[in-house]
Amino acid sequence: GFAIMSALMKLLEDYPPERLQIKTGTKMRSLIEADGSVKGIEVVGEEGKSLSLYGSVVLATGGYANDHSSDSLLAEHTPHLKDLPTTNGPWAEGEGVKAALGIGAATVDMDKVQVHPTGFVHAEDPDNKTKFLCGEALRGEGGLLLNSQGRRFVNELDLRDAVTAKMNEQSGRKYIVLNAKAAVDLGAHLGFYTFKKLMKKYDSSRALAEDLGMDPEALAAELKAYNRSAEQKCDAFNKTVFPAVPFETDEEYYAGEVTPVLHYTMGGIRMNPKAQIMRQGPGGDLQVIHRLYGAGEVTGGV
C-alpha cells in the first residue's frame, strides 16, 4: 500500500498547478447540489475560512472503520463492533459517506464490516485504538497463533472470520509466533515490526515462554505436537499446509501480541458501473446524481 500511494503522490505532485492543486489542512464540510446535480464542495481551509470549490466531484474518502464521532456510522449499523480497535487512521470516519447521505444518496451493505483477526498490540501503548495490521503473510509463512498458555487454538490459515471467532473464544492474551525458518522469508516485515517494537526476538522457545509468562515445557510439547501433525499432513483444526516446519526449541523465535481489529468496510454509497453515485427515487428506483462519482472504500456493493 505504501509503495503504491507514495508513487501516486510523487506523480501528482509533479502535475502543473493549473491542472491539479493539493490542498492540505482542508476539510470537506458538504456537497453543493442544485437541480439534481452536484456543483462542487464546501470546505473549511487551514485558517478556518469557508471556501466553495466548483466542479464535478469524485469521492475517494475511504470507509468508516474508525468512526467514533457523535453520528458514528459504526454505532448506527454495527453497534456490536463499535468498540473494537482498528487498523484505520483518524481519516476513516466516513465523511464522504455522510456528505453523500446529506444530499440523499443511497447506501448498501452498511452493516458489512470486516474484522481482521490479527492487529498488533504495542506493549508500550496497548490501549491505542489504532493498531498496525499483522497481515496474513506472517501466518502464511508459518506463524502460529498461541494463547496465554502457549497452546494453539485454530487453523492459522483458515478464513478471517473463522480465525477471529476462535481468537474471541480465548481468555487472556494471544500471540503470533514465528520461528527462524519463517523469518527468512519475512525479513523486511520482521525488520519493520521489531523496529516498531511490535514483535520481539528470542534465542529459543524457552526464552520466549519465560518472557510471555508461559510454561516452557508446555510450549515445547505444543511445538512437538505441531511437528507430528505436519508429518501427518493434518491436525486437530483441519490444517493441511505446514510452512516452516519443524519448530525446534533451540532456534530463534519472534513473537508479538495480537488482537482482532476492524479492517475494512464493505458497505458504502451506491454507484452504477460508470462509478456514478445513485439516489433512490420516489418510486424506489435508483437514479443518478449527476457529476458525483465514487472510488474505493467510500462505495459499497462492488
C-alpha atoms as a PDB file:
ATOM      1  CA  GLY A   1       0.000   0.000   0.000  1.00  0.00           C
ATOM      2  CA  PHE A   2       2.703   2.486   0.923  1.00  0.00           C
ATOM      3  CA  ALA A   3       4.631   1.797  -2.295  1.00  0.00           C
ATOM      4  CA  ILE A   4       1.523   2.414  -4.399  1.00  0.00           C
ATOM      5  CA  MET A   5       0.485   5.591  -2.580  1.00  0.00           C
ATOM      6  CA  SER A   6       3.964   7.126  -2.462  1.00  0.00           C
ATOM      7  CA  ALA A   7       4.380   6.569  -6.222  1.00  0.00           C
ATOM      8  CA  LEU A   8       0.975   8.136  -6.918  1.00  0.00           C
ATOM      9  CA  MET A   9       1.701  11.114  -4.647  1.00  0.00           C
ATOM     10  CA  LYS A  10       5.004  11.733  -6.429  1.00  0.00           C
ATOM     11  CA  LEU A  11       3.230  11.659  -9.775  1.00  0.00           C
ATOM     12  CA  LEU A  12       0.510  14.064  -8.601  1.00  0.00           C
ATOM     13  CA  GLU A  13       2.991  16.483  -7.031  1.00  0.00           C
ATOM     14  CA  ASP A  14       4.610  16.901 -10.458  1.00  0.00           C
ATOM     15  CA  TYR A  15       1.350  17.939 -12.123  1.00  0.00           C
ATOM     16  CA  PRO A  16       1.185  21.608 -13.208  1.00  0.00           C
ATOM     17  CA  PRO A  17      -0.859  23.685 -10.717  1.00  0.00           C
ATOM     18  CA  GLU A  18      -3.387  24.722 -13.371  1.00  0.00           C
ATOM     19  CA  ARG A  19      -4.329  21.034 -13.708  1.00  0.00           C
ATOM     20  CA  LEU A  20      -4.160  19.914 -10.090  1.00  0.00           C
ATOM     21  CA  GLN A  21      -3.958  21.543  -6.673  1.00  0.00           C
ATOM     22  CA  ILE A  22      -3.415  19.507  -3.496  1.00  0.00           C
ATOM     23  CA  LYS A  23      -4.959  21.324  -0.541  1.00  0.00           C
ATOM     24  CA  THR A  24      -3.709  20.119   2.834  1.00  0.00           C
ATOM     25  CA  GLY A  25      -5.271  21.147   6.127  1.00  0.00           C
ATOM     26  CA  THR A  26      -8.609  21.419   4.323  1.00  0.00           C
ATOM     27  CA  LYS A  27     -11.762  19.615   5.465  1.00  0.00           C
ATOM     28  CA  MET A  28     -14.800  18.959   3.298  1.00  0.00           C
ATOM     29  CA  ARG A  29     -17.953  20.172   5.010  1.00  0.00           C
ATOM     30  CA  SER A  30     -20.654  19.337   2.458  1.00  0.00           C
ATOM     31  CA  LEU A  31     -21.503  18.802  -1.180  1.00  0.00           C
ATOM     32  CA  ILE A  32     -23.006  21.648  -3.195  1.00  0.00           C
ATOM     33  CA  GLU A  33     -26.076  20.446  -5.098  1.00  0.00           C
ATOM     34  CA  ALA A  34     -28.672  22.120  -7.293  1.00  0.00           C
ATOM     35  CA  ASP A  35     -31.289  20.702  -9.666  1.00  0.00           C
ATOM     36  CA  GLY A  36     -30.273  17.107  -9.034  1.00  0.00           C
ATOM     37  CA  SER A  37     -26.654  17.720  -9.913  1.00  0.00           C
ATOM     38  CA  VAL A  38     -23.556  18.238  -7.774  1.00  0.00           C
ATOM     39  CA  LYS A  39     -21.808  21.548  -8.435  1.00  0.00           C
ATOM     40  CA  GLY A  40     -18.855  21.249  -6.048  1.00  0.00           C
ATOM     41  CA  ILE A  41     -17.941  21.092  -2.365  1.00  0.00           C
ATOM     42  CA  GLU A  42     -17.867  23.375   0.642  1.00  0.00           C
ATOM     43  CA  VAL A  43     -14.620  23.147   2.590  1.00  0.00           C
ATOM     44  CA  VAL A  44     -13.011  24.721   5.634  1.00  0.00           C
ATOM     45  CA  GLY A  45      -9.436  25.852   4.996  1.00  0.00           C
ATOM     46  CA  GLU A  46      -6.363  25.975   7.199  1.00  0.00           C
ATOM     47  CA  GLU A  47      -7.355  29.316   8.743  1.00  0.00           C
ATOM     48  CA  GLY A  48     -10.925  28.220   9.438  1.00  0.00           C
ATOM     49  CA  LYS A  49     -12.315  30.067   6.440  1.00  0.00           C
ATOM     50  CA  SER A  50     -15.130  28.543   4.397  1.00  0.00           C
ATOM     51  CA  LEU A  51     -14.482  28.080   0.709  1.00  0.00           C
ATOM     52  CA  SER A  52     -16.577  26.825  -2.200  1.00  0.00           C
ATOM     53  CA  LEU A  53     -14.820  24.721  -4.839  1.00  0.00           C
ATOM     54  CA  TYR A  54     -16.773  24.123  -8.044  1.00  0.00           C
ATOM     55  CA  GLY A  55     -16.694  21.235 -10.484  1.00  0.00           C
ATOM     56  CA  SER A  56     -17.557  17.559 -10.705  1.00  0.00           C
ATOM     57  CA  VAL A  57     -16.738  15.603  -7.538  1.00  0.00           C
ATOM     58  CA  VAL A  58     -15.108  12.217  -7.085  1.00  0.00           C
ATOM     59  CA  LEU A  59     -15.492  10.972  -3.528  1.00  0.00           C
ATOM     60  CA  ALA A  60     -12.429   8.880  -2.617  1.00  0.00           C
ATOM     61  CA  THR A  61     -12.549   9.490   1.123  1.00  0.00           C
ATOM     62  CA  GLY A  62     -12.327   5.906   2.366  1.00  0.00           C
ATOM     63  CA  GLY A  63     -14.547   3.995   4.740  1.00  0.00           C
ATOM     64  CA  TYR A  64     -15.783   4.384   8.310  1.00  0.00           C
ATOM     65  CA  ALA A  65     -13.804   1.783  10.277  1.00  0.00           C
ATOM     66  CA  ASN A  66     -12.571   4.452  12.704  1.00  0.00           C
ATOM     67  CA  ASP A  67     -15.794   6.434  13.034  1.00  0.00           C
ATOM     68  CA  HIS A  68     -16.312   7.221  16.706  1.00  0.00           C
ATOM     69  CA  SER A  69     -17.974  10.571  16.096  1.00  0.00           C
ATOM     70  CA  SER A  70     -21.320  11.662  17.571  1.00  0.00           C
ATOM     71  CA  ASP A  71     -23.073  10.454  14.382  1.00  0.00           C
ATOM     72  CA  SER A  72     -20.942   7.322  14.059  1.00  0.00           C
ATOM     73  CA  LEU A  73     -21.827   5.019  11.188  1.00  0.00           C
ATOM     74  CA  LEU A  74     -20.307   2.138  13.133  1.00  0.00           C
ATOM     75  CA  ALA A  75     -22.570   2.777  16.104  1.00  0.00           C
ATOM     76  CA  GLU A  76     -25.585   3.058  13.818  1.00  0.00           C
ATOM     77  CA  HIS A  77     -25.018  -0.030  11.681  1.00  0.00           C
ATOM     78  CA  THR A  78     -22.701  -2.339  13.678  1.00  0.00           C
ATOM     79  CA  PRO A  79     -23.052  -1.379  17.361  1.00  0.00           C
ATOM     80  CA  HIS A  80     -21.551  -4.727  18.417  1.00  0.00           C
ATOM     81  CA  LEU A  81     -18.274  -3.772  16.684  1.00  0.00           C
ATOM     82  CA  LYS A  82     -18.007  -0.085  17.516  1.00  0.00           C
ATOM     83  CA  ASP A  83     -15.594  -0.530  20.438  1.00  0.00           C
ATOM     84  CA  LEU A  84     -13.081  -2.736  18.627  1.00  0.00           C
ATOM     85  CA  PRO A  85      -9.689  -1.263  17.737  1.00  0.00           C
ATOM     86  CA  THR A  86      -8.993  -0.617  14.057  1.00  0.00           C
ATOM     87  CA  THR A  87      -6.180  -0.658  11.524  1.00  0.00           C
ATOM     88  CA  ASN A  88      -7.569   2.581  10.080  1.00  0.00           C
ATOM     89  CA  GLY A  89      -6.288   6.010  10.965  1.00  0.00           C
ATOM     90  CA  PRO A  90      -8.312   9.060  12.028  1.00  0.00           C
ATOM     91  CA  TRP A  91      -9.205   9.835   8.405  1.00  0.00           C
ATOM     92  CA  ALA A  92     -11.580   6.827   8.207  1.00  0.00           C
ATOM     93  CA  GLU A  93     -14.613   8.499   9.777  1.00  0.00           C
ATOM     94  CA  GLY A  94     -16.969   8.165   6.838  1.00  0.00           C
ATOM     95  CA  GLU A  95     -17.132  11.865   5.968  1.00  0.00           C
ATOM     96  CA  GLY A  96     -17.624  11.105   2.279  1.00  0.00           C
ATOM     97  CA  VAL A  97     -20.462   8.698   3.005  1.00  0.00           C
ATOM     98  CA  LYS A  98     -22.116  11.232   5.283  1.00  0.00           C
ATOM     99  CA  ALA A  99     -21.734  14.043   2.737  1.00  0.00           C
ATOM    100  CA  ALA A 100     -23.409  11.882   0.094  1.00  0.00           C
ATOM    101  CA  LEU A 101     -26.172  10.930   2.524  1.00  0.00           C
ATOM    102  CA  GLY A 102     -26.703  14.641   3.092  1.00  0.00           C
ATOM    103  CA  ILE A 103     -27.927  15.034  -0.485  1.00  0.00           C
ATOM    104  CA  GLY A 104     -29.957  11.830  -0.496  1.00  0.00           C
ATOM    105  CA  ALA A 105     -27.503   9.254  -1.826  1.00  0.00           C
ATOM    106  CA  ALA A 106     -28.451   5.607  -1.407  1.00  0.00           C
ATOM    107  CA  THR A 107     -26.273   3.206   0.581  1.00  0.00           C
ATOM    108  CA  VAL A 108     -25.748  -0.548   0.552  1.00  0.00           C
ATOM    109  CA  ASP A 109     -24.331  -3.176   2.926  1.00  0.00           C
ATOM    110  CA  MET A 110     -23.591  -0.681   5.678  1.00  0.00           C
ATOM    111  CA  ASP A 111     -23.613  -3.470   8.272  1.00  0.00           C
ATOM    112  CA  LYS A 112     -20.875  -5.396   6.419  1.00  0.00           C
ATOM    113  CA  VAL A 113     -17.685  -4.517   8.296  1.00  0.00           C
ATOM    114  CA  GLN A 114     -14.681  -6.802   8.076  1.00  0.00           C
ATOM    115  CA  VAL A 115     -12.883  -7.813  11.256  1.00  0.00           C
ATOM    116  CA  HIS A 116      -9.291  -8.921  10.740  1.00  0.00           C
ATOM    117  CA  PRO A 117      -8.142 -11.486  13.314  1.00  0.00           C
ATOM    118  CA  THR A 118      -4.696 -10.014  13.940  1.00  0.00           C
ATOM    119  CA  GLY A 119      -3.704  -6.460  14.701  1.00  0.00           C
ATOM    120  CA  PHE A 120      -0.558  -5.870  16.767  1.00  0.00           C
ATOM    121  CA  VAL A 121      -0.872  -4.722  20.371  1.00  0.00           C
ATOM    122  CA  HIS A 122       2.020  -2.389  21.167  1.00  0.00           C
ATOM    123  CA  ALA A 123       3.423  -3.244  24.602  1.00  0.00           C
ATOM    124  CA  GLU A 124       4.101   0.431  25.356  1.00  0.00           C
ATOM    125  CA  ASP A 125       0.690   1.650  24.162  1.00  0.00           C
ATOM    126  CA  PRO A 126      -1.715  -1.300  24.490  1.00  0.00           C
ATOM    127  CA  ASP A 127      -4.902   0.789  24.731  1.00  0.00           C
ATOM    128  CA  ASN A 128      -4.338   2.720  21.499  1.00  0.00           C
ATOM    129  CA  LYS A 129      -7.422   2.154  19.352  1.00  0.00           C
ATOM    130  CA  THR A 130      -5.409   2.231  16.114  1.00  0.00           C
ATOM    131  CA  LYS A 131      -3.300  -0.878  15.535  1.00  0.00           C
ATOM    132  CA  PHE A 132      -0.734  -1.929  12.962  1.00  0.00           C
ATOM    133  CA  LEU A 133      -2.045  -4.777  10.848  1.00  0.00           C
ATOM    134  CA  CYS A 134      -0.435  -8.175  11.366  1.00  0.00           C
ATOM    135  CA  GLY A 135      -1.052  -9.437   7.853  1.00  0.00           C
ATOM    136  CA  GLU A 136      -1.759 -12.938   6.569  1.00  0.00           C
ATOM    137  CA  ALA A 137       1.799 -13.167   5.268  1.00  0.00           C
ATOM    138  CA  LEU A 138       3.045 -13.986   8.766  1.00  0.00           C
ATOM    139  CA  ARG A 139       0.632 -16.873   9.173  1.00  0.00           C
ATOM    140  CA  GLY A 140       1.075 -17.881   5.548  1.00  0.00           C
ATOM    141  CA  GLU A 141       4.811 -18.314   6.036  1.00  0.00           C
ATOM    142  CA  GLY A 142       4.319 -20.458   9.121  1.00  0.00           C
ATOM    143  CA  GLY A 143       3.359 -18.193  12.014  1.00  0.00           C
ATOM    144  CA  LEU A 144       1.485 -19.885  14.846  1.00  0.00           C
ATOM    145  CA  LEU A 145      -1.281 -18.366  16.947  1.00  0.00           C
ATOM    146  CA  LEU A 146      -0.876 -19.183  20.634  1.00  0.00           C
ATOM    147  CA  ASN A 147      -2.959 -18.324  23.674  1.00  0.00           C
ATOM    148  CA  SER A 148      -1.543 -17.212  27.009  1.00  0.00           C
ATOM    149  CA  GLN A 149      -0.867 -20.854  27.961  1.00  0.00           C
ATOM    150  CA  GLY A 150       1.230 -21.412  24.853  1.00  0.00           C
ATOM    151  CA  ARG A 151      -1.434 -23.554  23.170  1.00  0.00           C
ATOM    152  CA  ARG A 152      -2.630 -23.397  19.576  1.00  0.00           C
ATOM    153  CA  PHE A 153      -6.399 -22.988  19.184  1.00  0.00           C
ATOM    154  CA  VAL A 154      -7.098 -22.601  15.453  1.00  0.00           C
ATOM    155  CA  ASN A 155      -6.026 -23.399  11.913  1.00  0.00           C
ATOM    156  CA  GLU A 156      -3.917 -20.295  11.309  1.00  0.00           C
ATOM    157  CA  LEU A 157      -4.698 -20.448   7.570  1.00  0.00           C
ATOM    158  CA  ASP A 158      -8.478 -20.542   7.941  1.00  0.00           C
ATOM    159  CA  LEU A 159     -10.770 -17.738   6.779  1.00  0.00           C
ATOM    160  CA  ARG A 160     -10.557 -14.422   8.622  1.00  0.00           C
ATOM    161  CA  ASP A 161     -13.952 -14.721  10.271  1.00  0.00           C
ATOM    162  CA  ALA A 162     -13.195 -18.268  11.451  1.00  0.00           C
ATOM    163  CA  VAL A 163      -9.843 -17.249  12.945  1.00  0.00           C
ATOM    164  CA  THR A 164     -11.437 -14.189  14.559  1.00  0.00           C
ATOM    165  CA  ALA A 165     -14.149 -16.332  16.171  1.00  0.00           C
ATOM    166  CA  LYS A 166     -11.524 -18.612  17.698  1.00  0.00           C
ATOM    167  CA  MET A 167      -9.485 -15.603  18.863  1.00  0.00           C
ATOM    168  CA  ASN A 168     -12.536 -14.288  20.679  1.00  0.00           C
ATOM    169  CA  GLU A 169     -13.020 -17.601  22.476  1.00  0.00           C
ATOM    170  CA  GLN A 170      -9.626 -17.313  24.182  1.00  0.00           C
ATOM    171  CA  SER A 171      -9.213 -15.666  27.552  1.00  0.00           C
ATOM    172  CA  GLY A 172      -6.068 -13.690  28.130  1.00  0.00           C
ATOM    173  CA  ARG A 173      -3.541 -12.569  25.556  1.00  0.00           C
ATOM    174  CA  LYS A 174      -2.954 -14.057  22.121  1.00  0.00           C
ATOM    175  CA  TYR A 175       0.354 -14.128  20.247  1.00  0.00           C
ATOM    176  CA  ILE A 176       1.700 -14.609  16.745  1.00  0.00           C
ATOM    177  CA  VAL A 177       4.890 -16.687  16.926  1.00  0.00           C
ATOM    178  CA  LEU A 178       7.379 -17.335  14.102  1.00  0.00           C
ATOM    179  CA  ASN A 179      10.473 -19.474  14.024  1.00  0.00           C
ATOM    180  CA  ALA A 180      13.780 -18.795  12.275  1.00  0.00           C
ATOM    181  CA  LYS A 181      12.721 -20.598   9.093  1.00  0.00           C
ATOM    182  CA  ALA A 182       9.652 -18.403   8.667  1.00  0.00           C
ATOM    183  CA  ALA A 183      11.759 -15.334   9.454  1.00  0.00           C
ATOM    184  CA  VAL A 184      13.976 -15.964   6.419  1.00  0.00           C
ATOM    185  CA  ASP A 185      11.077 -15.253   4.053  1.00  0.00           C
ATOM    186  CA  LEU A 186       9.740 -12.352   6.127  1.00  0.00           C
ATOM    187  CA  GLY A 187      12.914 -10.333   6.567  1.00  0.00           C
ATOM    188  CA  ALA A 188      11.526  -6.940   5.529  1.00  0.00           C
ATOM    189  CA  HIS A 189       8.330  -7.447   7.526  1.00  0.00           C
ATOM    190  CA  LEU A 190      10.105  -8.547  10.691  1.00  0.00           C
ATOM    191  CA  GLY A 191      12.671  -5.788  10.431  1.00  0.00           C
ATOM    192  CA  PHE A 192       9.833  -3.241  10.445  1.00  0.00           C
ATOM    193  CA  TYR A 193       7.850  -4.979  13.194  1.00  0.00           C
ATOM    194  CA  THR A 194      10.843  -5.348  15.517  1.00  0.00           C
ATOM    195  CA  PHE A 195      11.892  -1.743  14.829  1.00  0.00           C
ATOM    196  CA  LYS A 196       8.381  -0.629  15.825  1.00  0.00           C
ATOM    197  CA  LYS A 197       8.563  -2.887  18.927  1.00  0.00           C
ATOM    198  CA  LEU A 198       5.529  -4.832  17.758  1.00  0.00           C
ATOM    199  CA  MET A 199       7.475  -8.091  17.761  1.00  0.00           C
ATOM    200  CA  LYS A 200      10.387  -9.270  19.885  1.00  0.00           C
ATOM    201  CA  LYS A 201      13.205 -11.650  19.008  1.00  0.00           C
ATOM    202  CA  TYR A 202      14.177 -14.595  21.253  1.00  0.00           C
ATOM    203  CA  ASP A 203      17.048 -17.062  21.024  1.00  0.00           C
ATOM    204  CA  SER A 204      14.909 -20.100  21.959  1.00  0.00           C
ATOM    205  CA  SER A 205      11.355 -21.201  22.655  1.00  0.00           C
ATOM    206  CA  ARG A 206      12.201 -21.310  26.364  1.00  0.00           C
ATOM    207  CA  ALA A 207      13.271 -17.655  26.367  1.00  0.00           C
ATOM    208  CA  LEU A 208      10.043 -16.745  24.561  1.00  0.00           C
ATOM    209  CA  ALA A 209       7.894 -18.718  27.012  1.00  0.00           C
ATOM    210  CA  GLU A 210       9.547 -17.262  30.087  1.00  0.00           C
ATOM    211  CA  ASP A 211       9.179 -13.716  28.800  1.00  0.00           C
ATOM    212  CA  LEU A 212       5.490 -14.160  27.922  1.00  0.00           C
ATOM    213  CA  GLY A 213       4.573 -15.982  31.124  1.00  0.00           C
ATOM    214  CA  MET A 214       4.057 -19.399  29.529  1.00  0.00           C
ATOM    215  CA  ASP A 215       5.215 -22.769  30.824  1.00  0.00           C
ATOM    216  CA  PRO A 216       8.346 -23.538  28.720  1.00  0.00           C
ATOM    217  CA  GLU A 217       7.721 -27.280  28.862  1.00  0.00           C
ATOM    218  CA  ALA A 218       4.099 -26.866  27.794  1.00  0.00           C
ATOM    219  CA  LEU A 219       5.197 -24.739  24.832  1.00  0.00           C
ATOM    220  CA  ALA A 220       7.871 -27.268  23.856  1.00  0.00           C
ATOM    221  CA  ALA A 221       5.240 -30.027  23.952  1.00  0.00           C
ATOM    222  CA  GLU A 222       2.904 -27.934  21.783  1.00  0.00           C
ATOM    223  CA  LEU A 223       5.632 -27.404  19.183  1.00  0.00           C
ATOM    224  CA  LYS A 224       6.449 -31.106  19.193  1.00  0.00           C
ATOM    225  CA  ALA A 225       2.778 -31.968  18.652  1.00  0.00           C
ATOM    226  CA  TYR A 226       2.617 -29.468  15.772  1.00  0.00           C
ATOM    227  CA  ASN A 227       5.631 -31.118  14.129  1.00  0.00           C
ATOM    228  CA  ARG A 228       3.920 -34.509  14.377  1.00  0.00           C
ATOM    229  CA  SER A 229       0.795 -33.070  12.753  1.00  0.00           C
ATOM    230  CA  ALA A 230       2.945 -31.671   9.943  1.00  0.00           C
ATOM    231  CA  GLU A 231       4.345 -35.144   9.289  1.00  0.00           C
ATOM    232  CA  GLN A 232       0.790 -36.482   9.113  1.00  0.00           C
ATOM    233  CA  LYS A 233      -0.284 -33.508   6.942  1.00  0.00           C
ATOM    234  CA  CYS A 234      -3.327 -32.785   9.128  1.00  0.00           C
ATOM    235  CA  ASP A 235      -4.028 -31.544  12.666  1.00  0.00           C
ATOM    236  CA  ALA A 236      -6.973 -31.271  15.044  1.00  0.00           C
ATOM    237  CA  PHE A 237      -8.033 -27.984  13.386  1.00  0.00           C
ATOM    238  CA  ASN A 238      -8.014 -29.472   9.851  1.00  0.00           C
ATOM    239  CA  LYS A 239      -4.865 -27.639   8.864  1.00  0.00           C
ATOM    240  CA  THR A 240      -3.183 -29.398   5.932  1.00  0.00           C
ATOM    241  CA  VAL A 241      -0.378 -26.984   4.993  1.00  0.00           C
ATOM    242  CA  PHE A 242       2.512 -26.586   7.422  1.00  0.00           C
ATOM    243  CA  PRO A 243       5.109 -23.994   6.382  1.00  0.00           C
ATOM    244  CA  ALA A 244       8.420 -23.556   8.244  1.00  0.00           C
ATOM    245  CA  VAL A 245       8.424 -26.933   9.997  1.00  0.00           C
ATOM    246  CA  PRO A 246       9.873 -28.363  12.110  1.00  0.00           C
ATOM    247  CA  PHE A 247       9.624 -25.915  15.014  1.00  0.00           C
ATOM    248  CA  GLU A 248      12.747 -26.575  17.093  1.00  0.00           C
ATOM    249  CA  THR A 249      13.103 -25.413  20.678  1.00  0.00           C
ATOM    250  CA  ASP A 250      16.678 -24.171  20.251  1.00  0.00           C
ATOM    251  CA  GLU A 251      16.142 -21.945  17.195  1.00  0.00           C
ATOM    252  CA  GLU A 252      15.371 -18.214  17.139  1.00  0.00           C
ATOM    253  CA  TYR A 253      11.792 -17.034  17.541  1.00  0.00           C
ATOM    254  CA  TYR A 254       9.798 -13.860  17.029  1.00  0.00           C
ATOM    255  CA  ALA A 255       6.582 -13.101  18.902  1.00  0.00           C
ATOM    256  CA  GLY A 256       4.061 -10.297  19.182  1.00  0.00           C
ATOM    257  CA  GLU A 257       0.708  -9.861  20.890  1.00  0.00           C
ATOM    258  CA  VAL A 258      -2.273  -9.668  18.539  1.00  0.00           C
ATOM    259  CA  THR A 259      -5.996  -8.901  18.786  1.00  0.00           C
ATOM    260  CA  PRO A 260      -8.961  -8.710  16.357  1.00  0.00           C
ATOM    261  CA  VAL A 261      -9.325  -5.331  14.632  1.00  0.00           C
ATOM    262  CA  LEU A 262     -11.728  -3.550  12.314  1.00  0.00           C
ATOM    263  CA  HIS A 263     -10.038  -3.529   8.929  1.00  0.00           C
ATOM    264  CA  TYR A 264     -12.381  -2.729   6.063  1.00  0.00           C
ATOM    265  CA  THR A 265     -15.926  -1.520   5.495  1.00  0.00           C
ATOM    266  CA  MET A 266     -17.597  -3.287   2.581  1.00  0.00           C
ATOM    267  CA  GLY A 267     -20.661  -1.054   2.721  1.00  0.00           C
ATOM    268  CA  GLY A 268     -20.939   2.485   1.436  1.00  0.00           C
ATOM    269  CA  ILE A 269     -22.733   4.679  -1.064  1.00  0.00           C
ATOM    270  CA  ARG A 270     -24.304   3.049  -4.097  1.00  0.00           C
ATOM    271  CA  MET A 271     -22.810   3.570  -7.530  1.00  0.00           C
ATOM    272  CA  ASN A 272     -23.507   2.240 -11.022  1.00  0.00           C
ATOM    273  CA  PRO A 273     -20.962   0.615 -13.383  1.00  0.00           C
ATOM    274  CA  LYS A 274     -19.869   4.100 -14.504  1.00  0.00           C
ATOM    275  CA  ALA A 275     -18.959   4.989 -10.870  1.00  0.00           C
ATOM    276  CA  GLN A 276     -21.837   7.485 -10.722  1.00  0.00           C
ATOM    277  CA  ILE A 277     -23.401   7.834  -7.274  1.00  0.00           C
ATOM    278  CA  MET A 278     -27.069   6.898  -7.035  1.00  0.00           C
ATOM    279  CA  ARG A 279     -30.080   8.024  -5.024  1.00  0.00           C
ATOM    280  CA  GLN A 280     -33.368   6.244  -4.505  1.00  0.00           C
ATOM    281  CA  GLY A 281     -36.165   7.866  -6.433  1.00  0.00           C
ATOM    282  CA  PRO A 282     -39.771   8.361  -5.254  1.00  0.00           C
ATOM    283  CA  GLY A 283     -40.805   5.067  -6.817  1.00  0.00           C
ATOM    284  CA  GLY A 284     -37.928   3.150  -5.267  1.00  0.00           C
ATOM    285  CA  ASP A 285     -35.850   3.108  -8.438  1.00  0.00           C
ATOM    286  CA  LEU A 286     -32.198   4.197  -8.388  1.00  0.00           C
ATOM    287  CA  GLN A 287     -31.374   7.481 -10.091  1.00  0.00           C
ATOM    288  CA  VAL A 288     -28.015   9.025 -10.980  1.00  0.00           C
ATOM    289  CA  ILE A 289     -26.780  12.024  -9.014  1.00  0.00           C
ATOM    290  CA  HIS A 290     -25.123  13.866 -11.857  1.00  0.00           C
ATOM    291  CA  ARG A 291     -21.483  14.980 -11.563  1.00  0.00           C
ATOM    292  CA  LEU A 292     -20.920  12.913  -8.397  1.00  0.00           C
ATOM    293  CA  TYR A 293     -18.685   9.837  -8.552  1.00  0.00           C
ATOM    294  CA  GLY A 294     -17.211   7.388  -6.080  1.00  0.00           C
ATOM    295  CA  ALA A 295     -13.979   5.408  -5.881  1.00  0.00           C
ATOM    296  CA  GLY A 296     -12.714   2.912  -3.347  1.00  0.00           C
ATOM    297  CA  GLU A 297     -13.966   2.143   0.140  1.00  0.00           C
ATOM    298  CA  VAL A 298     -16.424   5.052   0.231  1.00  0.00           C
ATOM    299  CA  THR A 299     -18.612   2.966  -2.089  1.00  0.00           C
ATOM    300  CA  GLY A 300     -20.398  -0.309  -1.422  1.00  0.00           C
ATOM    301  CA  GLY A 301     -21.898  -3.185  -3.347  1.00  0.00           C
ATOM    302  CA  VAL A 302     -18.920  -3.654  -5.673  1.00  0.00           C
END
